[in-house]
Amino acid sequence: MDLLDIARTVFALIATLALIVGAAYGARRLGMLQPGANGPKRMRITETLLLDPRRRMVIVRVDDREHVLLLGPGGDVVVGGMAAKEMPAAAGETAT
């Protein structure tokens, strides 16, 4: 190995480490490495109903409110919202 090979190897190592540090910095700036991101979830899909191959109705529960959404290729529409009822203990998760 001559000096050119050693310099090329060192440069490749430095470039690889710079890419790793840059990716970590970018992830931190975009909020991908936030501590506590796995905390309690406030939103969940309670129920879905497939209307046709392109549209579906979804009930989304957020805190103590439920919202009915119509999802389709033309856009998403909030059909209605109401105070959420307590889920029976035996029902469990019905999300699909």
PDB file of N, CA and C in Angstrom:
ATOM      1  N   MET A   1       0.848  -1.179   0.000  1.00  0.00           N
ATOM      2  CA  MET A   1       0.000   0.000   0.000  1.00  0.00           C
ATOM      3  C   MET A   1       0.892   1.239   0.000  1.00  0.00           C
ATOM      4  N   ASP A   2       0.576   2.110  -0.880  1.00  0.00           N
ATOM      5  CA  ASP A   2       1.346   3.340  -0.919  1.00  0.00           C
ATOM      6  C   ASP A   2       0.550   4.460  -0.258  1.00  0.00           C
ATOM      7  N   LEU A   3       1.085   5.620  -0.259  1.00  0.00           N
ATOM      8  CA  LEU A   3       0.481   6.764   0.423  1.00  0.00           C
ATOM      9  C   LEU A   3      -0.866   7.148  -0.189  1.00  0.00           C
ATOM     10  N   LEU A   4      -1.033   6.994  -1.484  1.00  0.00           N
ATOM     11  CA  LEU A   4      -2.291   7.332  -2.143  1.00  0.00           C
ATOM     12  C   LEU A   4      -3.430   6.419  -1.679  1.00  0.00           C
ATOM     13  N   ASP A   5      -3.170   5.141  -1.519  1.00  0.00           N
ATOM     14  CA  ASP A   5      -4.190   4.215  -1.041  1.00  0.00           C
ATOM     15  C   ASP A   5      -4.609   4.529   0.399  1.00  0.00           C
ATOM     16  N   ILE A   6      -3.648   4.854   1.248  1.00  0.00           N
ATOM     17  CA  ILE A   6      -3.955   5.200   2.633  1.00  0.00           C
ATOM     18  C   ILE A   6      -4.769   6.482   2.686  1.00  0.00           C
ATOM     19  N   ALA A   7      -4.418   7.478   1.887  1.00  0.00           N
ATOM     20  CA  ALA A   7      -5.156   8.738   1.863  1.00  0.00           C
ATOM     21  C   ALA A   7      -6.588   8.508   1.358  1.00  0.00           C
ATOM     22  N   ARG A   8      -6.758   7.677   0.351  1.00  0.00           N
ATOM     23  CA  ARG A   8      -8.083   7.372  -0.176  1.00  0.00           C
ATOM     24  C   ARG A   8      -8.937   6.666   0.885  1.00  0.00           C
ATOM     25  N   THR A   9      -8.339   5.752   1.631  1.00  0.00           N
ATOM     26  CA  THR A   9      -9.052   5.028   2.685  1.00  0.00           C
ATOM     27  C   THR A   9      -9.477   5.967   3.804  1.00  0.00           C
ATOM     28  N   VAL A  10      -8.586   6.840   4.220  1.00  0.00           N
ATOM     29  CA  VAL A  10      -8.897   7.794   5.287  1.00  0.00           C
ATOM     30  C   VAL A  10      -9.996   8.758   4.822  1.00  0.00           C
ATOM     31  N   PHE A  11      -9.907   9.220   3.561  1.00  0.00           N
ATOM     32  CA  PHE A  11     -10.939  10.115   3.043  1.00  0.00           C
ATOM     33  C   PHE A  11     -12.298   9.417   2.989  1.00  0.00           C
ATOM     34  N   ALA A  12     -12.335   8.159   2.584  1.00  0.00           N
ATOM     35  CA  ALA A  12     -13.598   7.419   2.533  1.00  0.00           C
ATOM     36  C   ALA A  12     -14.181   7.254   3.933  1.00  0.00           C
ATOM     37  N   LEU A  13     -13.340   6.993   4.930  1.00  0.00           N
ATOM     38  CA  LEU A  13     -13.793   6.869   6.308  1.00  0.00           C
ATOM     39  C   LEU A  13     -14.368   8.186   6.816  1.00  0.00           C
ATOM     40  N   ILE A  14     -13.685   9.285   6.546  1.00  0.00           N
ATOM     41  CA  ILE A  14     -14.161  10.602   6.981  1.00  0.00           C
ATOM     42  C   ILE A  14     -15.487  10.946   6.285  1.00  0.00           C
ATOM     43  N   ALA A  15     -15.593  10.648   4.995  1.00  0.00           N
ATOM     44  CA  ALA A  15     -16.832  10.935   4.263  1.00  0.00           C
ATOM     45  C   ALA A  15     -17.991  10.108   4.807  1.00  0.00           C
ATOM     46  N   THR A  16     -17.755   8.840   5.138  1.00  0.00           N
ATOM     47  CA  THR A  16     -18.797   7.979   5.693  1.00  0.00           C
ATOM     48  C   THR A  16     -19.257   8.483   7.055  1.00  0.00           C
ATOM     49  N   LEU A  17     -18.317   8.856   7.909  1.00  0.00           N
ATOM     50  CA  LEU A  17     -18.682   9.397   9.217  1.00  0.00           C
ATOM     51  C   LEU A  17     -19.429  10.718   9.084  1.00  0.00           C
ATOM     52  N   ALA A  18     -19.053  11.549   8.119  1.00  0.00           N
ATOM     53  CA  ALA A  18     -19.746  12.819   7.897  1.00  0.00           C
ATOM     54  C   ALA A  18     -21.193  12.569   7.445  1.00  0.00           C
ATOM     55  N   LEU A  19     -21.416  11.570   6.599  1.00  0.00           N
ATOM     56  CA  LEU A  19     -22.779  11.236   6.183  1.00  0.00           C
ATOM     57  C   LEU A  19     -23.630  10.747   7.348  1.00  0.00           C
ATOM     58  N   ILE A  20     -23.045   9.949   8.221  1.00  0.00           N
ATOM     59  CA  ILE A  20     -23.777   9.445   9.388  1.00  0.00           C
ATOM     60  C   ILE A  20     -24.139  10.593  10.327  1.00  0.00           C
ATOM     61  N   VAL A  21     -23.190  11.481  10.586  1.00  0.00           N
ATOM     62  CA  VAL A  21     -23.448  12.629  11.463  1.00  0.00           C
ATOM     63  C   VAL A  21     -24.482  13.550  10.821  1.00  0.00           C
ATOM     64  N   GLY A  22     -24.404  13.753   9.522  1.00  0.00           N
ATOM     65  CA  GLY A  22     -25.372  14.595   8.826  1.00  0.00           C
ATOM     66  C   GLY A  22     -26.779  14.012   8.879  1.00  0.00           C
ATOM     67  N   ALA A  23     -26.893  12.703   8.725  1.00  0.00           N
ATOM     68  CA  ALA A  23     -28.206  12.054   8.808  1.00  0.00           C
ATOM     69  C   ALA A  23     -28.781  12.170  10.221  1.00  0.00           C
ATOM     70  N   ALA A  24     -27.954  12.009  11.239  1.00  0.00           N
ATOM     71  CA  ALA A  24     -28.419  12.141  12.620  1.00  0.00           C
ATOM     72  C   ALA A  24     -28.853  13.580  12.911  1.00  0.00           C
ATOM     73  N   TYR A  25     -28.095  14.547  12.402  1.00  0.00           N
ATOM     74  CA  TYR A  25     -28.454  15.950  12.595  1.00  0.00           C
ATOM     75  C   TYR A  25     -29.788  16.260  11.906  1.00  0.00           C
ATOM     76  N   GLY A  26     -29.953  15.764  10.678  1.00  0.00           N
ATOM     77  CA  GLY A  26     -31.203  15.991   9.958  1.00  0.00           C
ATOM     78  C   GLY A  26     -32.388  15.335  10.649  1.00  0.00           C
ATOM     79  N   ALA A  27     -32.211  14.131  11.168  1.00  0.00           N
ATOM     80  CA  ALA A  27     -33.287  13.444  11.881  1.00  0.00           C
ATOM     81  C   ALA A  27     -33.672  14.207  13.144  1.00  0.00           C
ATOM     82  N   ARG A  28     -32.698  14.761  13.826  1.00  0.00           N
ATOM     83  CA  ARG A  28     -32.990  15.533  15.029  1.00  0.00           C
ATOM     84  C   ARG A  28     -33.730  16.820  14.679  1.00  0.00           C
ATOM     85  N   ARG A  29     -33.314  17.484  13.600  1.00  0.00           N
ATOM     86  CA  ARG A  29     -33.966  18.726  13.181  1.00  0.00           C
ATOM     87  C   ARG A  29     -35.406  18.488  12.718  1.00  0.00           C
ATOM     88  N   LEU A  30     -35.677  17.332  12.138  1.00  0.00           N
ATOM     89  CA  LEU A  30     -37.023  17.012  11.673  1.00  0.00           C
ATOM     90  C   LEU A  30     -37.897  16.413  12.770  1.00  0.00           C
ATOM     91  N   GLY A  31     -37.349  16.210  13.963  1.00  0.00           N
ATOM     92  CA  GLY A  31     -38.136  15.705  15.078  1.00  0.00           C
ATOM     93  C   GLY A  31     -38.283  14.203  15.111  1.00  0.00           C
ATOM     94  N   MET A  32     -37.436  13.482  14.396  1.00  0.00           N
ATOM     95  CA  MET A  32     -37.538  12.033  14.377  1.00  0.00           C
ATOM     96  C   MET A  32     -36.913  11.383  15.600  1.00  0.00           C
ATOM     97  N   LEU A  33     -36.106  12.112  16.346  1.00  0.00           N
ATOM     98  CA  LEU A  33     -35.428  11.553  17.509  1.00  0.00           C
ATOM     99  C   LEU A  33     -35.917  12.205  18.796  1.00  0.00           C
ATOM    100  N   GLN A  34     -37.196  12.576  18.855  1.00  0.00           N
ATOM    101  CA  GLN A  34     -37.732  13.225  20.033  1.00  0.00           C
ATOM    102  C   GLN A  34     -37.971  12.221  21.146  1.00  0.00           C
ATOM    103  N   PRO A  35     -37.475  12.509  22.339  1.00  0.00           N
ATOM    104  CA  PRO A  35     -37.768  11.602  23.455  1.00  0.00           C
ATOM    105  C   PRO A  35     -39.229  11.729  23.846  1.00  0.00           C
ATOM    106  N   GLY A  36     -39.817  10.621  24.262  1.00  0.00           N
ATOM    107  CA  GLY A  36     -41.213  10.624  24.679  1.00  0.00           C
ATOM    108  C   GLY A  36     -42.188  10.528  23.524  1.00  0.00           C
ATOM    109  N   ALA A  37     -41.719  10.227  22.332  1.00  0.00           N
ATOM    110  CA  ALA A  37     -42.622  10.111  21.186  1.00  0.00           C
ATOM    111  C   ALA A  37     -43.510   8.874  21.310  1.00  0.00           C
ATOM    112  N   ASN A  38     -43.117   7.931  22.150  1.00  0.00           N
ATOM    113  CA  ASN A  38     -43.904   6.717  22.351  1.00  0.00           C
ATOM    114  C   ASN A  38     -44.798   6.840  23.575  1.00  0.00           C
ATOM    115  N   GLY A  39     -45.228   8.061  23.877  1.00  0.00           N
ATOM    116  CA  GLY A  39     -46.076   8.307  25.031  1.00  0.00           C
ATOM    117  C   GLY A  39     -47.496   7.838  24.788  1.00  0.00           C
ATOM    118  N   PRO A  40     -48.413   8.270  25.630  1.00  0.00           N
ATOM    119  CA  PRO A  40     -49.808   7.843  25.478  1.00  0.00           C
ATOM    120  C   PRO A  40     -50.403   8.376  24.180  1.00  0.00           C
ATOM    121  N   LYS A  41     -51.161   7.535  23.515  1.00  0.00           N
ATOM    122  CA  LYS A  41     -51.781   7.895  22.249  1.00  0.00           C
ATOM    123  C   LYS A  41     -53.124   8.573  22.520  1.00  0.00           C
ATOM    124  N   ARG A  42     -53.383   9.667  21.820  1.00  0.00           N
ATOM    125  CA  ARG A  42     -54.630  10.409  22.001  1.00  0.00           C
ATOM    126  C   ARG A  42     -55.635  10.101  20.905  1.00  0.00           C
ATOM    127  N   MET A  43     -55.205   9.504  19.823  1.00  0.00           N
ATOM    128  CA  MET A  43     -56.094   9.297  18.694  1.00  0.00           C
ATOM    129  C   MET A  43     -56.071   7.834  18.280  1.00  0.00           C
ATOM    130  N   ARG A  44     -57.265   7.322  17.931  1.00  0.00           N
ATOM    131  CA  ARG A  44     -57.332   5.962  17.418  1.00  0.00           C
ATOM    132  C   ARG A  44     -58.570   5.824  16.541  1.00  0.00           C
ATOM    133  N   ILE A  45     -58.529   4.867  15.641  1.00  0.00           N
ATOM    134  CA  ILE A  45     -59.657   4.578  14.768  1.00  0.00           C
ATOM    135  C   ILE A  45     -60.550   3.591  15.492  1.00  0.00           C
ATOM    136  N   THR A  46     -61.787   3.993  15.735  1.00  0.00           N
ATOM    137  CA  THR A  46     -62.725   3.152  16.462  1.00  0.00           C
ATOM    138  C   THR A  46     -63.390   2.141  15.542  1.00  0.00           C
ATOM    139  N   GLU A  47     -63.818   2.606  14.363  1.00  0.00           N
ATOM    140  CA  GLU A  47     -64.544   1.723  13.454  1.00  0.00           C
ATOM    141  C   GLU A  47     -64.390   2.231  12.028  1.00  0.00           C
ATOM    142  N   THR A  48     -64.409   1.307  11.058  1.00  0.00           N
ATOM    143  CA  THR A  48     -64.379   1.676   9.647  1.00  0.00           C
ATOM    144  C   THR A  48     -65.494   0.939   8.915  1.00  0.00           C
ATOM    145  N   LEU A  49     -65.981   1.570   7.850  1.00  0.00           N
ATOM    146  CA  LEU A  49     -67.014   0.974   7.019  1.00  0.00           C
ATOM    147  C   LEU A  49     -66.651   1.245   5.569  1.00  0.00           C
ATOM    148  N   LEU A  50     -66.464   0.189   4.799  1.00  0.00           N
ATOM    149  CA  LEU A  50     -66.114   0.308   3.394  1.00  0.00           C
ATOM    150  C   LEU A  50     -67.396   0.531   2.595  1.00  0.00           C
ATOM    151  N   LEU A  51     -67.529   1.711   1.985  1.00  0.00           N
ATOM    152  CA  LEU A  51     -68.724   2.042   1.210  1.00  0.00           C
ATOM    153  C   LEU A  51     -68.653   1.474  -0.197  1.00  0.00           C
ATOM    154  N   ASP A  52     -67.551   1.659  -0.851  1.00  0.00           N
ATOM    155  CA  ASP A  52     -67.277   1.084  -2.165  1.00  0.00           C
ATOM    156  C   ASP A  52     -65.762   0.964  -2.282  1.00  0.00           C
ATOM    157  N   PRO A  53     -65.237   0.474  -3.408  1.00  0.00           N
ATOM    158  CA  PRO A  53     -63.783   0.261  -3.485  1.00  0.00           C
ATOM    159  C   PRO A  53     -62.932   1.521  -3.306  1.00  0.00           C
ATOM    160  N   ARG A  54     -63.529   2.699  -3.442  1.00  0.00           N
ATOM    161  CA  ARG A  54     -62.738   3.917  -3.361  1.00  0.00           C
ATOM    162  C   ARG A  54     -63.054   4.775  -2.141  1.00  0.00           C
ATOM    163  N   ARG A  55     -64.155   4.528  -1.452  1.00  0.00           N
ATOM    164  CA  ARG A  55     -64.554   5.371  -0.328  1.00  0.00           C
ATOM    165  C   ARG A  55     -64.819   4.537   0.915  1.00  0.00           C
ATOM    166  N   ARG A  56     -64.547   5.173   2.059  1.00  0.00           N
ATOM    167  CA  ARG A  56     -64.837   4.521   3.339  1.00  0.00           C
ATOM    168  C   ARG A  56     -65.200   5.568   4.381  1.00  0.00           C
ATOM    169  N   MET A  57     -66.015   5.154   5.337  1.00  0.00           N
ATOM    170  CA  MET A  57     -66.371   5.981   6.493  1.00  0.00           C
ATOM    171  C   MET A  57     -65.530   5.496   7.668  1.00  0.00           C
ATOM    172  N   VAL A  58     -65.011   6.442   8.435  1.00  0.00           N
ATOM    173  CA  VAL A  58     -64.142   6.113   9.552  1.00  0.00           C
ATOM    174  C   VAL A  58     -64.596   6.908  10.770  1.00  0.00           C
ATOM    175  N   ILE A  59     -64.673   6.249  11.914  1.00  0.00           N
ATOM    176  CA  ILE A  59     -64.918   6.933  13.182  1.00  0.00           C
ATOM    177  C   ILE A  59     -63.575   7.026  13.894  1.00  0.00           C
ATOM    178  N   VAL A  60     -63.145   8.259  14.140  1.00  0.00           N
ATOM    179  CA  VAL A  60     -61.861   8.518  14.790  1.00  0.00           C
ATOM    180  C   VAL A  60     -62.142   9.097  16.169  1.00  0.00           C
ATOM    181  N   ARG A  61     -61.536   8.502  17.186  1.00  0.00           N
ATOM    182  CA  ARG A  61     -61.705   8.989  18.557  1.00  0.00           C
ATOM    183  C   ARG A  61     -60.470   9.795  18.948  1.00  0.00           C
ATOM    184  N   VAL A  62     -60.682  11.045  19.343  1.00  0.00           N
ATOM    185  CA  VAL A  62     -59.613  11.930  19.805  1.00  0.00           C
ATOM    186  C   VAL A  62     -60.009  12.431  21.184  1.00  0.00           C
ATOM    187  N   ASP A  63     -59.250  12.050  22.183  1.00  0.00           N
ATOM    188  CA  ASP A  63     -59.545  12.369  23.580  1.00  0.00           C
ATOM    189  C   ASP A  63     -60.970  11.941  23.907  1.00  0.00           C
ATOM    190  N   ASP A  64     -61.878  12.874  24.190  1.00  0.00           N
ATOM    191  CA  ASP A  64     -63.243  12.508  24.550  1.00  0.00           C
ATOM    192  C   ASP A  64     -64.237  12.875  23.452  1.00  0.00           C
ATOM    193  N   ARG A  65     -63.785  12.956  22.204  1.00  0.00           N
ATOM    194  CA  ARG A  65     -64.634  13.276  21.062  1.00  0.00           C
ATOM    195  C   ARG A  65     -64.477  12.209  19.986  1.00  0.00           C
ATOM    196  N   GLU A  66     -65.563  11.973  19.245  1.00  0.00           N
ATOM    197  CA  GLU A  66     -65.514  11.078  18.095  1.00  0.00           C
ATOM    198  C   GLU A  66     -65.897  11.876  16.856  1.00  0.00           C
ATOM    199  N   HIS A  67     -65.172  11.664  15.772  1.00  0.00           N
ATOM    200  CA  HIS A  67     -65.417  12.356  14.519  1.00  0.00           C
ATOM    201  C   HIS A  67     -65.664  11.309  13.437  1.00  0.00           C
ATOM    202  N   VAL A  68     -66.683  11.552  12.608  1.00  0.00           N
ATOM    203  CA  VAL A  68     -66.993  10.669  11.488  1.00  0.00           C
ATOM    204  C   VAL A  68     -66.407  11.305  10.240  1.00  0.00           C
ATOM    205  N   LEU A  69     -65.535  10.568   9.545  1.00  0.00           N
ATOM    206  CA  LEU A  69     -64.854  11.076   8.360  1.00  0.00           C
ATOM    207  C   LEU A  69     -65.233  10.237   7.150  1.00  0.00           C
ATOM    208  N   LEU A  70     -65.421  10.903   6.014  1.00  0.00           N
ATOM    209  CA  LEU A  70     -65.615  10.232   4.739  1.00  0.00           C
ATOM    210  C   LEU A  70     -64.311  10.375   3.970  1.00  0.00           C
ATOM    211  N   LEU A  71     -63.626   9.257   3.738  1.00  0.00           N
ATOM    212  CA  LEU A  71     -62.337   9.261   3.057  1.00  0.00           C
ATOM    213  C   LEU A  71     -62.521   8.759   1.640  1.00  0.00           C
ATOM    214  N   GLY A  72     -62.002   9.507   0.677  1.00  0.00           N
ATOM    215  CA  GLY A  72     -62.127   9.110  -0.709  1.00  0.00           C
ATOM    216  C   GLY A  72     -61.106   9.806  -1.580  1.00  0.00           C
ATOM    217  N   PRO A  73     -61.065   9.456  -2.856  1.00  0.00           N
ATOM    218  CA  PRO A  73     -60.065  10.043  -3.748  1.00  0.00           C
ATOM    219  C   PRO A  73     -60.301  11.530  -4.021  1.00  0.00           C
ATOM    220  N   GLY A  74     -61.536  12.015  -3.879  1.00  0.00           N
ATOM    221  CA  GLY A  74     -61.829  13.424  -4.112  1.00  0.00           C
ATOM    222  C   GLY A  74     -61.475  14.305  -2.936  1.00  0.00           C
ATOM    223  N   GLY A  75     -61.109  13.732  -1.827  1.00  0.00           N
ATOM    224  CA  GLY A  75     -60.771  14.481  -0.624  1.00  0.00           C
ATOM    225  C   GLY A  75     -61.406  13.835   0.589  1.00  0.00           C
ATOM    226  N   ASP A  76     -61.070  14.369   1.742  1.00  0.00           N
ATOM    227  CA  ASP A  76     -61.590  13.863   3.004  1.00  0.00           C
ATOM    228  C   ASP A  76     -62.570  14.877   3.563  1.00  0.00           C
ATOM    229  N   VAL A  77     -63.712  14.399   4.074  1.00  0.00           N
ATOM    230  CA  VAL A  77     -64.768  15.273   4.573  1.00  0.00           C
ATOM    231  C   VAL A  77     -65.112  14.859   5.993  1.00  0.00           C
ATOM    232  N   VAL A  78     -65.217  15.852   6.895  1.00  0.00           N
ATOM    233  CA  VAL A  78     -65.693  15.589   8.248  1.00  0.00           C
ATOM    234  C   VAL A  78     -67.212  15.606   8.191  1.00  0.00           C
ATOM    235  N   VAL A  79     -67.833  14.462   8.427  1.00  0.00           N
ATOM    236  CA  VAL A  79     -69.283  14.344   8.353  1.00  0.00           C
ATOM    237  C   VAL A  79     -69.916  14.830   9.644  1.00  0.00           C
ATOM    238  N   GLY A  80     -69.320  14.520  10.781  1.00  0.00           N
ATOM    239  CA  GLY A  80     -69.885  14.950  12.048  1.00  0.00           C
ATOM    240  C   GLY A  80     -68.950  14.650  13.199  1.00  0.00           C
ATOM    241  N   GLY A  81     -69.290  15.209  14.339  1.00  0.00           N
ATOM    242  CA  GLY A  81     -68.520  14.977  15.553  1.00  0.00           C
ATOM    243  C   GLY A  81     -69.440  14.970  16.745  1.00  0.00           C
ATOM    244  N   MET A  82     -69.086  14.221  17.780  1.00  0.00           N
ATOM    245  CA  MET A  82     -69.912  14.140  18.987  1.00  0.00           C
ATOM    246  C   MET A  82     -69.041  13.711  20.155  1.00  0.00           C
ATOM    247  N   ALA A  83     -69.590  13.846  21.336  1.00  0.00           N
ATOM    248  CA  ALA A  83     -68.889  13.380  22.526  1.00  0.00           C
ATOM    249  C   ALA A  83     -68.817  11.863  22.486  1.00  0.00           C
ATOM    250  N   ALA A  84     -67.677  11.329  22.855  1.00  0.00           N
ATOM    251  CA  ALA A  84     -67.469   9.885  22.773  1.00  0.00           C
ATOM    252  C   ALA A  84     -68.161   9.175  23.922  1.00  0.00           C
ATOM    253  N   LYS A  85     -68.684   7.996  23.611  1.00  0.00           N
ATOM    254  CA  LYS A  85     -69.268   7.127  24.632  1.00  0.00           C
ATOM    255  C   LYS A  85     -68.165   6.242  25.179  1.00  0.00           C
ATOM    256  N   GLU A  86     -68.358   5.750  26.382  1.00  0.00           N
ATOM    257  CA  GLU A  86     -67.384   4.838  26.966  1.00  0.00           C
ATOM    258  C   GLU A  86     -67.440   3.503  26.240  1.00  0.00           C
ATOM    259  N   MET A  87     -66.275   2.929  25.959  1.00  0.00           N
ATOM    260  CA  MET A  87     -66.209   1.629  25.294  1.00  0.00           C
ATOM    261  C   MET A  87     -66.479   0.533  26.332  1.00  0.00           C
ATOM    262  N   PRO A  88     -67.316  -0.459  26.001  1.00  0.00           N
ATOM    263  CA  PRO A  88     -67.504  -1.583  26.921  1.00  0.00           C
ATOM    264  C   PRO A  88     -66.206  -2.379  27.050  1.00  0.00           C
ATOM    265  N   ALA A  89     -65.958  -2.898  28.211  1.00  0.00           N
ATOM    266  CA  ALA A  89     -64.711  -3.611  28.473  1.00  0.00           C
ATOM    267  C   ALA A  89     -64.592  -4.884  27.628  1.00  0.00           C
ATOM    268  N   ALA A  90     -65.708  -5.552  27.338  1.00  0.00           N
ATOM    269  CA  ALA A  90     -65.677  -6.807  26.598  1.00  0.00           C
ATOM    270  C   ALA A  90     -65.499  -6.598  25.104  1.00  0.00           C
ATOM    271  N   ALA A  91     -65.798  -5.402  24.593  1.00  0.00           N
ATOM    272  CA  ALA A  91     -65.739  -5.168  23.158  1.00  0.00           C
ATOM    273  C   ALA A  91     -64.302  -5.163  22.646  1.00  0.00           C
ATOM    274  N   GLY A  92     -63.402  -4.543  23.392  1.00  0.00           N
ATOM    275  CA  GLY A  92     -62.005  -4.498  22.971  1.00  0.00           C
ATOM    276  C   GLY A  92     -61.811  -3.624  21.766  1.00  0.00           C
ATOM    277  N   GLU A  93     -60.763  -3.903  20.994  1.00  0.00           N
ATOM    278  CA  GLU A  93     -60.436  -3.133  19.802  1.00  0.00           C
ATOM    279  C   GLU A  93     -61.243  -3.658  18.622  1.00  0.00           C
ATOM    280  N   THR A  94     -61.950  -2.753  17.915  1.00  0.00           N
ATOM    281  CA  THR A  94     -62.707  -3.136  16.731  1.00  0.00           C
ATOM    282  C   THR A  94     -62.127  -2.478  15.487  1.00  0.00           C
ATOM    283  N   ALA A  95     -60.928  -1.888  15.580  1.00  0.00           N
ATOM    284  CA  ALA A  95     -60.332  -1.189  14.445  1.00  0.00           C
ATOM    285  C   ALA A  95     -59.865  -2.209  13.402  1.00  0.00           C
ATOM    286  N   THR A  96     -60.103  -1.871  12.134  1.00  0.00           N
ATOM    287  CA  THR A  96     -59.651  -2.732  11.049  1.00  0.00           C
ATOM    288  C   THR A  96     -58.759  -1.990  10.124  1.00  0.00           C
TER     289      THR A  96
END
